[in-house]
Each structure stands twice: as structure tokens, then as C-alpha cells.
């Protein structure tokens, strides 16, 4: 279950990713949320490797150890991220892959599955995300507020305290998990203070490139593969009206309801077991 750190240049951008498992095993691609990185999937990757999969978890451009954009308006847009993700998947030369996406990563999975030029997806897991943000204004405002002005601290332990408060509605984490969550998503600024490891320009670029709701629902209805959705009932990003419409428009969708907020951490058996079972179907 050894994790390997790797880099590949795709669409003109150097992308860092973690690589788990046998190189010839069935491939699972895991893509993180808006300001996070691929290390969020460490618990899921370990579990999937034990089930016989290879798992790759990229840091999307502007996050983690991946390159920051020269042209953020283009490279950090939905179109730019999709192009990078599609090219990243192509480097593994597979006819099809399984896909797990948290928040932004789930939306990118929907787009990838609708792209005729992209690798074929056999399974799609969407972790606490839908195609639109219905009645989610407060949640989006909350996220935008803390992303556009990321805090800086003197120590990692201070940043960890901030993470614990900001992500308090996420399902329960052990002290060790909070520490991993912090050290895998932090960097020191030039002034020596500790902050989150993303380019602040990611937010404006994505907000300026949103699709209209009917187009987004069209992507959802066009999905021609098994789809599994995890929904935290306390989520302020994936709301109950959105979930209801997702099921109405696509009744075959599998849904797992969880007693937590946004996003489920994919780190406990009640979340990991159903995902593993779904990917094995």
C-alpha cells in the first residue's frame, strides 16, 4: 500500500499526483474539492488498493504540489480544468476508468463523462455535489469568503485549529486525521507564516465560468453510466431540493445519506464500504 508521489506535464501544466497500487490493476481516479488536494483520498486509496485497484489522486492546477497558472482565467475555468483532467487520464492509456470526485471533483466527473473525446468512465461517485447549487447560496458564500482571503498563522497547530473549526460539520475525524488533513494541505509563505496550499485566483476563475442551470441539468440527465451519490444531510452545498431533483431526473442514481455536513471525509467504514461495493459492481 505504498504511496508514490509522481509528476506529469499535461495541457502545458505540471500536475502532481499520488499513485497507489499495482500499475496493471484496474484504475480509479480520485479528484478533490475546490481548494483541497489529492491527499484527501489517502484513506480511500488504502482501502481500494487492498481490494485490488490502482488509485491515482491528482492535485488539480493551483492546488497542492501542482503548478500554478500563468493564465488563471483560462486554466482554472471549468473548461481548463476539464482539459487538464482529460489529458491526465489519457496518460494512463486505459480504455475505461472508475472515478470518484468530491465536490468540485464530482462536477468535473460529470463533465468528463459527457465528453466524447475523454476516457470512458465505467463508474462515477459524486461526493456531496450535484449539477447545480439550488438553495445553496449560504454555503457557496461561506466557501468563497474563506477561500478569497485565506488565513495565515505562525504555526501548523494554529492552522489545524482553524481547519477543525471551519470543517466542523465534516464527519468525525481522529486527532491523527486532523493532523494529516493539515500537514498535507499547508504551505509556508515568503514571510514564514503558514497558510493553505492553493492559488487564491482559483475562486474568481471558477465563479466566472459557471454554466446555466438547464445546461448543468442536461449534463446530469445525459450520464450513461452507474452513478453513486454521497449526501451529507447537513451539507450547505448539496441541499435537499437538489438531491430530490437529481433523483427525479435520474431515478436510477444510487444515494447514500449521511449524518454530516460538507463534505463527507471518505475516511470511515460507513462511507468507504458502500463506495467499494459500488465500484465493484
C-alpha atoms as a PDB file:
ATOM      1  CA  UNK A   1       0.000   0.000   0.000  1.00  0.00           C
ATOM      2  CA  UNK A   2       2.942   2.324  -0.528  1.00  0.00           C
ATOM      3  CA  UNK A   3       2.095   5.789  -1.818  1.00  0.00           C
ATOM      4  CA  UNK A   4       4.235   7.159  -4.640  1.00  0.00           C
ATOM      5  CA  UNK A   5       4.460  10.860  -5.476  1.00  0.00           C
ATOM      6  CA  UNK A   6       4.629  11.492  -9.211  1.00  0.00           C
ATOM      7  CA  UNK A   7       4.506  14.367 -11.683  1.00  0.00           C
ATOM      8  CA  UNK A   8       3.310  14.579 -15.272  1.00  0.00           C
ATOM      9  CA  UNK A   9       3.016  17.563 -17.605  1.00  0.00           C
ATOM     10  CA  UNK A  10      -0.361  17.720 -19.354  1.00  0.00           C
ATOM     11  CA  UNK A  11      -2.063  20.598 -21.179  1.00  0.00           C
ATOM     12  CA  UNK A  12       1.077  22.635 -20.504  1.00  0.00           C
ATOM     13  CA  UNK A  13       0.848  22.242 -16.715  1.00  0.00           C
ATOM     14  CA  UNK A  14       2.890  20.092 -14.344  1.00  0.00           C
ATOM     15  CA  UNK A  15       0.451  18.038 -12.292  1.00  0.00           C
ATOM     16  CA  UNK A  16       1.411  16.277  -9.074  1.00  0.00           C
ATOM     17  CA  UNK A  17      -0.441  13.102  -8.150  1.00  0.00           C
ATOM     18  CA  UNK A  18      -0.233  10.302  -5.640  1.00  0.00           C
ATOM     19  CA  UNK A  19      -0.123   6.811  -7.112  1.00  0.00           C
ATOM     20  CA  UNK A  20      -1.183   3.757  -5.145  1.00  0.00           C
ATOM     21  CA  UNK A  21      -1.176   0.050  -6.022  1.00  0.00           C
ATOM     22  CA  UNK A  22      -0.106  -2.217  -8.872  1.00  0.00           C
ATOM     23  CA  UNK A  23       0.367  -0.352 -12.154  1.00  0.00           C
ATOM     24  CA  UNK A  24      -1.609  -3.024 -14.045  1.00  0.00           C
ATOM     25  CA  UNK A  25      -4.591  -3.113 -11.666  1.00  0.00           C
ATOM     26  CA  UNK A  26      -7.998  -1.603 -12.566  1.00  0.00           C
ATOM     27  CA  UNK A  27      -7.659   2.173 -12.316  1.00  0.00           C
ATOM     28  CA  UNK A  28      -9.597   4.517 -10.036  1.00  0.00           C
ATOM     29  CA  UNK A  29      -9.139   8.283 -10.495  1.00  0.00           C
ATOM     30  CA  UNK A  30      -9.982  10.410  -7.433  1.00  0.00           C
ATOM     31  CA  UNK A  31     -10.382  14.194  -7.744  1.00  0.00           C
ATOM     32  CA  UNK A  32     -10.647  16.552  -4.776  1.00  0.00           C
ATOM     33  CA  UNK A  33     -12.753  19.586  -3.872  1.00  0.00           C
ATOM     34  CA  UNK A  34     -12.239  23.221  -4.852  1.00  0.00           C
ATOM     35  CA  UNK A  35      -9.334  24.166  -2.568  1.00  0.00           C
ATOM     36  CA  UNK A  36      -8.179  20.724  -1.475  1.00  0.00           C
ATOM     37  CA  UNK A  37      -5.727  18.222  -2.997  1.00  0.00           C
ATOM     38  CA  UNK A  38      -5.312  14.547  -3.755  1.00  0.00           C
ATOM     39  CA  UNK A  39      -4.089  13.609  -0.288  1.00  0.00           C
ATOM     40  CA  UNK A  40      -7.689  13.870   0.940  1.00  0.00           C
ATOM     41  CA  UNK A  41      -8.165  10.431  -0.597  1.00  0.00           C
ATOM     42  CA  UNK A  42      -5.447   8.643   1.400  1.00  0.00           C
ATOM     43  CA  UNK A  43      -7.944   6.554   3.451  1.00  0.00           C
ATOM     44  CA  UNK A  44      -9.997   5.600   0.382  1.00  0.00           C
ATOM     45  CA  UNK A  45      -6.873   4.832  -1.649  1.00  0.00           C
ATOM     46  CA  UNK A  46      -5.533   2.470   1.014  1.00  0.00           C
ATOM     47  CA  UNK A  47      -8.849   0.649   1.113  1.00  0.00           C
ATOM     48  CA  UNK A  48      -9.147   0.393  -2.668  1.00  0.00           C
ATOM     49  CA  UNK A  49      -5.591  -0.906  -3.040  1.00  0.00           C
ATOM     50  CA  UNK A  50      -6.454  -3.673  -0.575  1.00  0.00           C
ATOM     51  CA  UNK A  51      -9.349  -4.547  -2.904  1.00  0.00           C
ATOM     52  CA  UNK A  52      -7.030  -4.883  -5.922  1.00  0.00           C
ATOM     53  CA  UNK A  53      -7.220  -1.435  -7.547  1.00  0.00           C
ATOM     54  CA  UNK A  54      -4.653   1.099  -8.641  1.00  0.00           C
ATOM     55  CA  UNK A  55      -5.598   4.590  -7.418  1.00  0.00           C
ATOM     56  CA  UNK A  56      -4.312   7.931  -8.721  1.00  0.00           C
ATOM     57  CA  UNK A  57      -5.181  11.203  -6.996  1.00  0.00           C
ATOM     58  CA  UNK A  58      -4.122  14.369  -8.833  1.00  0.00           C
ATOM     59  CA  UNK A  59      -3.721  17.820  -7.351  1.00  0.00           C
ATOM     60  CA  UNK A  60      -5.591  19.950  -9.857  1.00  0.00           C
ATOM     61  CA  UNK A  61      -3.677  23.020 -11.145  1.00  0.00           C
ATOM     62  CA  UNK A  62      -3.243  25.697  -8.498  1.00  0.00           C
ATOM     63  CA  UNK A  63      -3.606  23.219  -5.648  1.00  0.00           C
ATOM     64  CA  UNK A  64      -1.229  21.109  -3.605  1.00  0.00           C
ATOM     65  CA  UNK A  65       2.066  20.424  -5.368  1.00  0.00           C
ATOM     66  CA  UNK A  66       0.792  21.115  -8.884  1.00  0.00           C
ATOM     67  CA  UNK A  67       1.844  24.117 -10.941  1.00  0.00           C
ATOM     68  CA  UNK A  68       0.037  27.430 -10.602  1.00  0.00           C
ATOM     69  CA  UNK A  69      -1.488  29.028 -13.698  1.00  0.00           C
ATOM     70  CA  UNK A  70       0.046  31.696 -15.907  1.00  0.00           C
ATOM     71  CA  UNK A  71      -3.453  32.454 -17.214  1.00  0.00           C
ATOM     72  CA  UNK A  72      -5.817  31.696 -14.299  1.00  0.00           C
ATOM     73  CA  UNK A  73      -8.984  32.855 -16.055  1.00  0.00           C
ATOM     74  CA  UNK A  74      -8.455  30.139 -18.654  1.00  0.00           C
ATOM     75  CA  UNK A  75      -6.568  27.423 -16.803  1.00  0.00           C
ATOM     76  CA  UNK A  76      -8.720  27.498 -13.650  1.00  0.00           C
ATOM     77  CA  UNK A  77     -12.044  27.677 -15.509  1.00  0.00           C
ATOM     78  CA  UNK A  78     -14.239  24.585 -15.749  1.00  0.00           C
ATOM     79  CA  UNK A  79     -13.146  24.192 -19.359  1.00  0.00           C
ATOM     80  CA  UNK A  80      -9.476  24.500 -18.455  1.00  0.00           C
ATOM     81  CA  UNK A  81      -9.690  22.063 -15.556  1.00  0.00           C
ATOM     82  CA  UNK A  82     -11.613  19.567 -17.688  1.00  0.00           C
ATOM     83  CA  UNK A  83      -8.953  19.742 -20.411  1.00  0.00           C
ATOM     84  CA  UNK A  84      -6.205  19.121 -17.863  1.00  0.00           C
ATOM     85  CA  UNK A  85      -8.100  16.276 -16.189  1.00  0.00           C
ATOM     86  CA  UNK A  86      -8.897  14.604 -19.506  1.00  0.00           C
ATOM     87  CA  UNK A  87      -5.260  14.808 -20.603  1.00  0.00           C
ATOM     88  CA  UNK A  88      -4.153  13.494 -17.208  1.00  0.00           C
ATOM     89  CA  UNK A  89      -6.420  10.448 -17.527  1.00  0.00           C
ATOM     90  CA  UNK A  90      -5.150   9.800 -21.061  1.00  0.00           C
ATOM     91  CA  UNK A  91      -1.587   9.359 -19.796  1.00  0.00           C
ATOM     92  CA  UNK A  92      -2.568   6.026 -18.217  1.00  0.00           C
ATOM     93  CA  UNK A  93      -3.676   4.558 -21.573  1.00  0.00           C
ATOM     94  CA  UNK A  94      -6.814   2.834 -20.264  1.00  0.00           C
ATOM     95  CA  UNK A  95      -9.988   2.076 -22.177  1.00  0.00           C
ATOM     96  CA  UNK A  96     -12.040   2.971 -19.113  1.00  0.00           C
ATOM     97  CA  UNK A  97     -11.549   4.079 -15.511  1.00  0.00           C
ATOM     98  CA  UNK A  98     -13.581   4.285 -12.332  1.00  0.00           C
ATOM     99  CA  UNK A  99     -13.970   7.817 -10.977  1.00  0.00           C
ATOM    100  CA  UNK A 100     -14.518   9.323  -7.517  1.00  0.00           C
ATOM    101  CA  UNK A 101     -14.983  13.077  -7.131  1.00  0.00           C
ATOM    102  CA  UNK A 102     -15.535  15.195  -4.041  1.00  0.00           C
ATOM    103  CA  UNK A 103     -17.411  18.480  -4.541  1.00  0.00           C
ATOM    104  CA  UNK A 104     -15.626  20.193  -7.472  1.00  0.00           C
ATOM    105  CA  UNK A 105     -14.133  16.833  -8.395  1.00  0.00           C
ATOM    106  CA  UNK A 106     -17.620  15.351  -8.721  1.00  0.00           C
ATOM    107  CA  UNK A 107     -18.709  18.131 -11.067  1.00  0.00           C
ATOM    108  CA  UNK A 108     -15.608  17.537 -13.172  1.00  0.00           C
ATOM    109  CA  UNK A 109     -16.532  13.859 -13.258  1.00  0.00           C
ATOM    110  CA  UNK A 110     -19.953  14.709 -14.702  1.00  0.00           C
ATOM    111  CA  UNK A 111     -18.294  16.844 -17.372  1.00  0.00           C
ATOM    112  CA  UNK A 112     -15.708  14.161 -18.135  1.00  0.00           C
ATOM    113  CA  UNK A 113     -18.420  11.519 -18.525  1.00  0.00           C
ATOM    114  CA  UNK A 114     -20.198  13.768 -21.047  1.00  0.00           C
ATOM    115  CA  UNK A 115     -17.035  14.420 -23.083  1.00  0.00           C
ATOM    116  CA  UNK A 116     -16.931  12.108 -26.105  1.00  0.00           C
ATOM    117  CA  UNK A 117     -13.211  12.757 -26.550  1.00  0.00           C
ATOM    118  CA  UNK A 118     -12.309  11.825 -22.963  1.00  0.00           C
ATOM    119  CA  UNK A 119     -11.562   8.439 -21.456  1.00  0.00           C
ATOM    120  CA  UNK A 120     -14.654   6.329 -20.808  1.00  0.00           C
ATOM    121  CA  UNK A 121     -15.857   6.189 -17.201  1.00  0.00           C
ATOM    122  CA  UNK A 122     -17.326   2.889 -16.006  1.00  0.00           C
ATOM    123  CA  UNK A 123     -18.483   4.201 -12.591  1.00  0.00           C
ATOM    124  CA  UNK A 124     -18.968   7.698 -11.172  1.00  0.00           C
ATOM    125  CA  UNK A 125     -19.016   8.549  -7.457  1.00  0.00           C
ATOM    126  CA  UNK A 126     -20.114  12.107  -6.595  1.00  0.00           C
ATOM    127  CA  UNK A 127     -19.268  13.019  -3.010  1.00  0.00           C
ATOM    128  CA  UNK A 128     -21.706  15.674  -1.752  1.00  0.00           C
ATOM    129  CA  UNK A 129     -22.216  17.509  -5.019  1.00  0.00           C
ATOM    130  CA  UNK A 130     -24.918  17.914  -7.635  1.00  0.00           C
ATOM    131  CA  UNK A 131     -25.017  19.584 -11.040  1.00  0.00           C
ATOM    132  CA  UNK A 132     -26.420  22.857  -9.655  1.00  0.00           C
ATOM    133  CA  UNK A 133     -26.417  24.807  -6.385  1.00  0.00           C
ATOM    134  CA  UNK A 134     -30.131  25.094  -5.521  1.00  0.00           C
ATOM    135  CA  UNK A 135     -30.781  26.878  -2.207  1.00  0.00           C
ATOM    136  CA  UNK A 136     -27.029  26.670  -1.536  1.00  0.00           C
ATOM    137  CA  UNK A 137     -26.287  30.394  -1.605  1.00  0.00           C
ATOM    138  CA  UNK A 138     -25.170  30.475   2.033  1.00  0.00           C
ATOM    139  CA  UNK A 139     -22.851  27.522   1.541  1.00  0.00           C
ATOM    140  CA  UNK A 140     -21.274  28.965  -1.580  1.00  0.00           C
ATOM    141  CA  UNK A 141     -20.870  32.358   0.100  1.00  0.00           C
ATOM    142  CA  UNK A 142     -19.249  30.687   3.109  1.00  0.00           C
ATOM    143  CA  UNK A 143     -16.733  28.870   0.922  1.00  0.00           C
ATOM    144  CA  UNK A 144     -15.954  31.878  -1.259  1.00  0.00           C
ATOM    145  CA  UNK A 145     -15.401  34.064   1.820  1.00  0.00           C
ATOM    146  CA  UNK A 146     -12.721  31.874   3.352  1.00  0.00           C
ATOM    147  CA  UNK A 147     -11.104  30.965   0.024  1.00  0.00           C
ATOM    148  CA  UNK A 148     -10.632  34.513  -1.238  1.00  0.00           C
ATOM    149  CA  UNK A 149      -8.946  35.627   1.976  1.00  0.00           C
ATOM    150  CA  UNK A 150      -7.139  32.556   3.348  1.00  0.00           C
ATOM    151  CA  UNK A 151      -5.876  32.977   6.903  1.00  0.00           C
ATOM    152  CA  UNK A 152      -2.201  32.778   7.823  1.00  0.00           C
ATOM    153  CA  UNK A 153      -0.769  31.580  11.110  1.00  0.00           C
ATOM    154  CA  UNK A 154       2.557  31.388  12.878  1.00  0.00           C
ATOM    155  CA  UNK A 155       2.304  27.636  13.453  1.00  0.00           C
ATOM    156  CA  UNK A 156       0.824  24.500  11.934  1.00  0.00           C
ATOM    157  CA  UNK A 157      -1.100  23.795  15.128  1.00  0.00           C
ATOM    158  CA  UNK A 158      -2.881  27.136  14.782  1.00  0.00           C
ATOM    159  CA  UNK A 159      -3.832  26.240  11.209  1.00  0.00           C
ATOM    160  CA  UNK A 160      -5.056  22.862  12.423  1.00  0.00           C
ATOM    161  CA  UNK A 161      -7.339  24.586  14.931  1.00  0.00           C
ATOM    162  CA  UNK A 162      -8.746  26.703  12.110  1.00  0.00           C
ATOM    163  CA  UNK A 163      -9.349  23.597   9.975  1.00  0.00           C
ATOM    164  CA  UNK A 164     -11.148  21.887  12.849  1.00  0.00           C
ATOM    165  CA  UNK A 165     -13.469  24.871  13.240  1.00  0.00           C
ATOM    166  CA  UNK A 166     -14.036  25.501   9.528  1.00  0.00           C
ATOM    167  CA  UNK A 167     -14.726  21.844   8.708  1.00  0.00           C
ATOM    168  CA  UNK A 168     -16.584  21.113  11.943  1.00  0.00           C
ATOM    169  CA  UNK A 169     -19.611  19.633  10.157  1.00  0.00           C
ATOM    170  CA  UNK A 170     -17.497  17.071   8.322  1.00  0.00           C
ATOM    171  CA  UNK A 171     -17.867  13.605   9.820  1.00  0.00           C
ATOM    172  CA  UNK A 172     -15.789  12.763  12.878  1.00  0.00           C
ATOM    173  CA  UNK A 173     -12.006  12.818  12.467  1.00  0.00           C
ATOM    174  CA  UNK A 174      -9.420  11.466  14.880  1.00  0.00           C
ATOM    175  CA  UNK A 175      -6.608  13.706  16.107  1.00  0.00           C
ATOM    176  CA  UNK A 176      -4.258  11.907  13.721  1.00  0.00           C
ATOM    177  CA  UNK A 177      -6.625  12.518  10.810  1.00  0.00           C
ATOM    178  CA  UNK A 178      -6.891  16.232  11.591  1.00  0.00           C
ATOM    179  CA  UNK A 179      -3.109  16.399  11.706  1.00  0.00           C
ATOM    180  CA  UNK A 180      -2.839  14.653   8.314  1.00  0.00           C
ATOM    181  CA  UNK A 181      -5.566  16.918   6.915  1.00  0.00           C
ATOM    182  CA  UNK A 182      -3.496  19.930   7.992  1.00  0.00           C
ATOM    183  CA  UNK A 183       0.056  18.979   7.059  1.00  0.00           C
ATOM    184  CA  UNK A 184      -0.976  17.693   3.623  1.00  0.00           C
ATOM    185  CA  UNK A 185      -2.699  20.970   2.722  1.00  0.00           C
ATOM    186  CA  UNK A 186      -0.453  23.729   4.046  1.00  0.00           C
ATOM    187  CA  UNK A 187       2.494  25.801   2.857  1.00  0.00           C
ATOM    188  CA  UNK A 188       4.746  28.489   4.291  1.00  0.00           C
ATOM    189  CA  UNK A 189       4.520  31.902   2.700  1.00  0.00           C
ATOM    190  CA  UNK A 190       7.556  34.058   1.972  1.00  0.00           C
ATOM    191  CA  UNK A 191       7.051  35.764   5.338  1.00  0.00           C
ATOM    192  CA  UNK A 192       7.281  32.411   7.126  1.00  0.00           C
ATOM    193  CA  UNK A 193       3.634  32.173   8.121  1.00  0.00           C
ATOM    194  CA  UNK A 194       1.588  29.036   7.444  1.00  0.00           C
ATOM    195  CA  UNK A 195      -1.421  29.095   5.130  1.00  0.00           C
ATOM    196  CA  UNK A 196      -3.459  26.826   2.866  1.00  0.00           C
ATOM    197  CA  UNK A 197      -1.786  25.389  -0.223  1.00  0.00           C
ATOM    198  CA  UNK A 198      -3.740  26.800  -3.141  1.00  0.00           C
ATOM    199  CA  UNK A 199      -3.637  29.752  -5.502  1.00  0.00           C
ATOM    200  CA  UNK A 200      -6.238  32.294  -4.369  1.00  0.00           C
ATOM    201  CA  UNK A 201      -7.079  33.008  -8.017  1.00  0.00           C
ATOM    202  CA  UNK A 202      -8.870  29.663  -8.382  1.00  0.00           C
ATOM    203  CA  UNK A 203     -12.098  31.088  -6.969  1.00  0.00           C
ATOM    204  CA  UNK A 204     -12.719  34.007  -9.316  1.00  0.00           C
ATOM    205  CA  UNK A 205     -11.919  31.902 -12.374  1.00  0.00           C
ATOM    206  CA  UNK A 206     -14.456  29.212 -11.497  1.00  0.00           C
ATOM    207  CA  UNK A 207     -17.193  31.639 -10.473  1.00  0.00           C
ATOM    208  CA  UNK A 208     -16.864  33.484 -13.777  1.00  0.00           C
ATOM    209  CA  UNK A 209     -17.295  30.308 -15.825  1.00  0.00           C
ATOM    210  CA  UNK A 210     -20.435  28.757 -14.340  1.00  0.00           C
ATOM    211  CA  UNK A 211     -22.832  27.013 -16.728  1.00  0.00           C
ATOM    212  CA  UNK A 212     -26.503  27.977 -16.679  1.00  0.00           C
ATOM    213  CA  UNK A 213     -28.713  25.607 -14.625  1.00  0.00           C
ATOM    214  CA  UNK A 214     -30.503  23.947 -17.531  1.00  0.00           C
ATOM    215  CA  UNK A 215     -27.202  23.164 -19.234  1.00  0.00           C
ATOM    216  CA  UNK A 216     -25.938  21.689 -15.974  1.00  0.00           C
ATOM    217  CA  UNK A 217     -29.065  19.566 -15.554  1.00  0.00           C
ATOM    218  CA  UNK A 218     -28.581  18.403 -19.127  1.00  0.00           C
ATOM    219  CA  UNK A 219     -25.156  17.050 -18.205  1.00  0.00           C
ATOM    220  CA  UNK A 220     -26.727  15.189 -15.298  1.00  0.00           C
ATOM    221  CA  UNK A 221     -29.524  13.662 -17.351  1.00  0.00           C
ATOM    222  CA  UNK A 222     -27.077  12.609 -20.075  1.00  0.00           C
ATOM    223  CA  UNK A 223     -24.945  10.478 -17.763  1.00  0.00           C
ATOM    224  CA  UNK A 224     -24.929   6.983 -19.240  1.00  0.00           C
ATOM    225  CA  UNK A 225     -23.156   5.020 -16.516  1.00  0.00           C
ATOM    226  CA  UNK A 226     -23.763   3.904 -12.928  1.00  0.00           C
ATOM    227  CA  UNK A 227     -23.712   6.899 -10.545  1.00  0.00           C
ATOM    228  CA  UNK A 228     -23.422   6.830  -6.755  1.00  0.00           C
ATOM    229  CA  UNK A 229     -24.020   9.990  -4.699  1.00  0.00           C
ATOM    230  CA  UNK A 230     -22.973  10.516  -1.088  1.00  0.00           C
ATOM    231  CA  UNK A 231     -25.029  13.237   0.596  1.00  0.00           C
ATOM    232  CA  UNK A 232     -24.308  14.788   3.969  1.00  0.00           C
ATOM    233  CA  UNK A 233     -27.740  15.798   5.259  1.00  0.00           C
ATOM    234  CA  UNK A 234     -26.228  18.853   6.971  1.00  0.00           C
ATOM    235  CA  UNK A 235     -24.491  19.966   3.770  1.00  0.00           C
ATOM    236  CA  UNK A 236     -24.941  23.581   2.731  1.00  0.00           C
ATOM    237  CA  UNK A 237     -23.591  22.807  -0.758  1.00  0.00           C
ATOM    238  CA  UNK A 238     -25.686  19.796  -1.789  1.00  0.00           C
ATOM    239  CA  UNK A 239     -29.149  20.684  -0.494  1.00  0.00           C
ATOM    240  CA  UNK A 240     -32.250  18.538  -0.174  1.00  0.00           C
ATOM    241  CA  UNK A 241     -34.098  20.228  -3.088  1.00  0.00           C
ATOM    242  CA  UNK A 242     -31.145  19.459  -5.351  1.00  0.00           C
ATOM    243  CA  UNK A 243     -30.995  15.837  -4.213  1.00  0.00           C
ATOM    244  CA  UNK A 244     -34.728  15.418  -4.817  1.00  0.00           C
ATOM    245  CA  UNK A 245     -34.453  16.800  -8.334  1.00  0.00           C
ATOM    246  CA  UNK A 246     -31.374  14.697  -9.076  1.00  0.00           C
ATOM    247  CA  UNK A 247     -33.348  11.565  -8.240  1.00  0.00           C
ATOM    248  CA  UNK A 248     -36.430  12.767 -10.121  1.00  0.00           C
ATOM    249  CA  UNK A 249     -34.421  13.443 -13.277  1.00  0.00           C
ATOM    250  CA  UNK A 250     -32.287  10.305 -12.932  1.00  0.00           C
ATOM    251  CA  UNK A 251     -34.137   7.722 -10.783  1.00  0.00           C
ATOM    252  CA  UNK A 252     -31.503   5.020 -11.264  1.00  0.00           C
ATOM    253  CA  UNK A 253     -28.981   7.047  -9.253  1.00  0.00           C
ATOM    254  CA  UNK A 254     -27.785   5.341  -6.059  1.00  0.00           C
ATOM    255  CA  UNK A 255     -27.878   7.594  -2.983  1.00  0.00           C
ATOM    256  CA  UNK A 256     -26.243   7.258   0.430  1.00  0.00           C
ATOM    257  CA  UNK A 257     -27.489   9.673   3.122  1.00  0.00           C
ATOM    258  CA  UNK A 258     -25.041  10.512   5.892  1.00  0.00           C
ATOM    259  CA  UNK A 259     -25.303  12.399   9.189  1.00  0.00           C
ATOM    260  CA  UNK A 260     -22.666  15.025   8.451  1.00  0.00           C
ATOM    261  CA  UNK A 261     -22.058  18.222   6.514  1.00  0.00           C
ATOM    262  CA  UNK A 262     -19.958  19.142   3.505  1.00  0.00           C
ATOM    263  CA  UNK A 263     -18.105  17.101   2.526  1.00  0.00           C
ATOM    264  CA  UNK A 264     -18.104  13.558   3.913  1.00  0.00           C
ATOM    265  CA  UNK A 265     -14.466  12.697   4.615  1.00  0.00           C
ATOM    266  CA  UNK A 266     -14.393   9.243   2.969  1.00  0.00           C
ATOM    267  CA  UNK A 267     -12.442   8.004   5.972  1.00  0.00           C
ATOM    268  CA  UNK A 268     -14.854   5.807   7.946  1.00  0.00           C
ATOM    269  CA  UNK A 269     -16.302   2.344   7.182  1.00  0.00           C
ATOM    270  CA  UNK A 270     -19.887   3.568   6.773  1.00  0.00           C
ATOM    271  CA  UNK A 271     -18.671   5.688   3.844  1.00  0.00           C
ATOM    272  CA  UNK A 272     -15.837   3.549   2.484  1.00  0.00           C
ATOM    273  CA  UNK A 273     -17.714   0.238   2.393  1.00  0.00           C
ATOM    274  CA  UNK A 274     -20.571   1.445   0.134  1.00  0.00           C
ATOM    275  CA  UNK A 275     -18.139   3.162  -2.247  1.00  0.00           C
ATOM    276  CA  UNK A 276     -16.052  -0.006  -2.556  1.00  0.00           C
ATOM    277  CA  UNK A 277     -19.179  -2.103  -3.109  1.00  0.00           C
ATOM    278  CA  UNK A 278     -20.430   0.274  -5.798  1.00  0.00           C
ATOM    279  CA  UNK A 279     -17.124   0.319  -7.686  1.00  0.00           C
ATOM    280  CA  UNK A 280     -17.103  -3.484  -7.703  1.00  0.00           C
ATOM    281  CA  UNK A 281     -20.475  -3.782  -9.462  1.00  0.00           C
END
